[in-house]
Amino acid sequence: MYELGEGGSADEEKAAEFYKKAARQGDALANQRLASLYLRGAGVEKDMIKAAALFIVGDGENLSDSSQELLSIMKPEQKKRFGRSA
């Protein structure tokens, strides 16, 4: 809602706050959306490592298209940190 500006103007910082709260409660979709914000640096400081961790936590072993895309642009040493093949 805040990320997309539904019902008002977009506020990615506020969206990140809500996604963080939901992610702490185990919401997989919140993990993925928060990861997307970190990947773009939207409302949070850009951090590809946090983004990767959140995508993977949100996906478990069933990697979504977004996680596959992220892994495709990561360097081999970054992939190894998350137990993924280079």
C-alpha atoms as a PDB file:
ATOM      1  CA  MET A   1       0.000   0.000   0.000  1.00  0.00           C
ATOM      2  CA  TYR A   2       2.655   2.537   1.053  1.00  0.00           C
ATOM      3  CA  GLU A   3       5.162   1.239  -1.484  1.00  0.00           C
ATOM      4  CA  LEU A   4       2.772   1.734  -4.390  1.00  0.00           C
ATOM      5  CA  GLY A   5       1.119   4.899  -3.125  1.00  0.00           C
ATOM      6  CA  GLU A   6      -2.362   3.384  -2.974  1.00  0.00           C
ATOM      7  CA  GLY A   7      -4.698   5.865  -1.337  1.00  0.00           C
ATOM      8  CA  GLY A   8      -2.056   8.600  -1.292  1.00  0.00           C
ATOM      9  CA  SER A   9       1.530   9.248  -2.234  1.00  0.00           C
ATOM     10  CA  ALA A  10       4.134   6.473  -2.167  1.00  0.00           C
ATOM     11  CA  ASP A  11       6.266   6.274   0.954  1.00  0.00           C
ATOM     12  CA  GLU A  12       8.891   3.566   0.527  1.00  0.00           C
ATOM     13  CA  GLU A  13      10.447   4.244   3.946  1.00  0.00           C
ATOM     14  CA  LYS A  14       7.119   3.601   5.635  1.00  0.00           C
ATOM     15  CA  ALA A  15       6.598   0.538   3.429  1.00  0.00           C
ATOM     16  CA  ALA A  16       9.979  -0.807   4.568  1.00  0.00           C
ATOM     17  CA  GLU A  17       8.957  -0.351   8.220  1.00  0.00           C
ATOM     18  CA  PHE A  18       5.767  -2.353   7.701  1.00  0.00           C
ATOM     19  CA  TYR A  19       7.542  -5.057   5.678  1.00  0.00           C
ATOM     20  CA  LYS A  20      10.173  -5.406   8.440  1.00  0.00           C
ATOM     21  CA  LYS A  21       7.472  -5.896  11.070  1.00  0.00           C
ATOM     22  CA  ALA A  22       5.640  -8.467   8.954  1.00  0.00           C
ATOM     23  CA  ALA A  23       8.879 -10.258   8.011  1.00  0.00           C
ATOM     24  CA  ARG A  24       9.787 -10.629  11.708  1.00  0.00           C
ATOM     25  CA  GLN A  25       6.450 -12.407  12.129  1.00  0.00           C
ATOM     26  CA  GLY A  26       7.344 -14.886   9.376  1.00  0.00           C
ATOM     27  CA  ASP A  27       5.516 -13.354   6.421  1.00  0.00           C
ATOM     28  CA  ALA A  28       7.315 -14.697   3.323  1.00  0.00           C
ATOM     29  CA  LEU A  29       5.802 -12.095   0.981  1.00  0.00           C
ATOM     30  CA  ALA A  30       6.987  -9.297   3.284  1.00  0.00           C
ATOM     31  CA  ASN A  31      10.500 -10.779   3.146  1.00  0.00           C
ATOM     32  CA  GLN A  32      10.391 -10.704  -0.659  1.00  0.00           C
ATOM     33  CA  ARG A  33       9.029  -7.165  -0.859  1.00  0.00           C
ATOM     34  CA  LEU A  34      11.548  -5.896   1.687  1.00  0.00           C
ATOM     35  CA  ALA A  35      14.294  -7.650  -0.289  1.00  0.00           C
ATOM     36  CA  SER A  36      13.137  -5.826  -3.405  1.00  0.00           C
ATOM     37  CA  LEU A  37      13.433  -2.490  -1.574  1.00  0.00           C
ATOM     38  CA  TYR A  38      16.986  -3.326  -0.450  1.00  0.00           C
ATOM     39  CA  LEU A  39      17.895  -4.426  -3.974  1.00  0.00           C
ATOM     40  CA  ARG A  40      16.738  -1.076  -5.409  1.00  0.00           C
ATOM     41  CA  GLY A  41      17.722   1.114  -2.465  1.00  0.00           C
ATOM     42  CA  ALA A  42      14.133   2.294  -2.215  1.00  0.00           C
ATOM     43  CA  GLY A  43      13.246   3.554   1.263  1.00  0.00           C
ATOM     44  CA  VAL A  44      16.290   1.795   2.713  1.00  0.00           C
ATOM     45  CA  GLU A  45      20.009   1.902   2.020  1.00  0.00           C
ATOM     46  CA  LYS A  46      20.806  -0.234  -1.029  1.00  0.00           C
ATOM     47  CA  ASP A  47      22.242  -3.562   0.143  1.00  0.00           C
ATOM     48  CA  MET A  48      22.442  -6.534  -2.214  1.00  0.00           C
ATOM     49  CA  ILE A  49      23.573  -8.890   0.569  1.00  0.00           C
ATOM     50  CA  LYS A  50      20.528  -8.090   2.729  1.00  0.00           C
ATOM     51  CA  ALA A  51      18.344  -8.388  -0.356  1.00  0.00           C
ATOM     52  CA  ALA A  52      19.758 -11.828  -1.166  1.00  0.00           C
ATOM     53  CA  ALA A  53      19.329 -13.043   2.403  1.00  0.00           C
ATOM     54  CA  LEU A  54      15.720 -11.839   2.532  1.00  0.00           C
ATOM     55  CA  PHE A  55      14.854 -13.343  -0.853  1.00  0.00           C
ATOM     56  CA  ILE A  56      16.292 -16.690   0.196  1.00  0.00           C
ATOM     57  CA  VAL A  57      14.615 -16.647   3.624  1.00  0.00           C
ATOM     58  CA  GLY A  58      11.326 -15.720   1.994  1.00  0.00           C
ATOM     59  CA  ASP A  59      11.630 -18.477  -0.569  1.00  0.00           C
ATOM     60  CA  GLY A  60      13.033 -21.306   1.509  1.00  0.00           C
ATOM     61  CA  GLU A  61      14.289 -23.884  -0.954  1.00  0.00           C
ATOM     62  CA  ASN A  62      11.731 -22.949  -3.632  1.00  0.00           C
ATOM     63  CA  LEU A  63      13.437 -20.005  -5.291  1.00  0.00           C
ATOM     64  CA  SER A  64      11.104 -17.542  -6.957  1.00  0.00           C
ATOM     65  CA  ASP A  65      11.823 -15.782 -10.230  1.00  0.00           C
ATOM     66  CA  SER A  66      13.059 -12.731  -8.327  1.00  0.00           C
ATOM     67  CA  SER A  67      15.529 -14.799  -6.318  1.00  0.00           C
ATOM     68  CA  GLN A  68      16.729 -16.560  -9.443  1.00  0.00           C
ATOM     69  CA  GLU A  69      17.271 -13.170 -11.083  1.00  0.00           C
ATOM     70  CA  LEU A  70      19.191 -11.879  -8.083  1.00  0.00           C
ATOM     71  CA  LEU A  71      21.386 -14.973  -7.987  1.00  0.00           C
ATOM     72  CA  SER A  72      22.117 -14.560 -11.702  1.00  0.00           C
ATOM     73  CA  ILE A  73      23.767 -11.159 -11.106  1.00  0.00           C
ATOM     74  CA  MET A  74      25.661 -12.126  -7.955  1.00  0.00           C
ATOM     75  CA  LYS A  75      29.360 -12.874  -8.044  1.00  0.00           C
ATOM     76  CA  PRO A  76      30.403 -16.482  -7.266  1.00  0.00           C
ATOM     77  CA  GLU A  77      31.864 -15.513  -3.875  1.00  0.00           C
ATOM     78  CA  GLN A  78      28.575 -13.821  -2.933  1.00  0.00           C
ATOM     79  CA  LYS A  79      26.607 -16.938  -3.881  1.00  0.00           C
ATOM     80  CA  LYS A  80      28.861 -19.117  -1.731  1.00  0.00           C
ATOM     81  CA  ARG A  81      27.968 -17.023   1.328  1.00  0.00           C
ATOM     82  CA  PHE A  82      24.386 -18.207   0.917  1.00  0.00           C
ATOM     83  CA  GLY A  83      25.147 -21.825   0.119  1.00  0.00           C
ATOM     84  CA  ARG A  84      24.244 -21.513  -3.545  1.00  0.00           C
ATOM     85  CA  SER A  85      26.347 -22.903  -6.355  1.00  0.00           C
ATOM     86  CA  ALA A  86      28.584 -20.544  -8.296  1.00  0.00           C
END
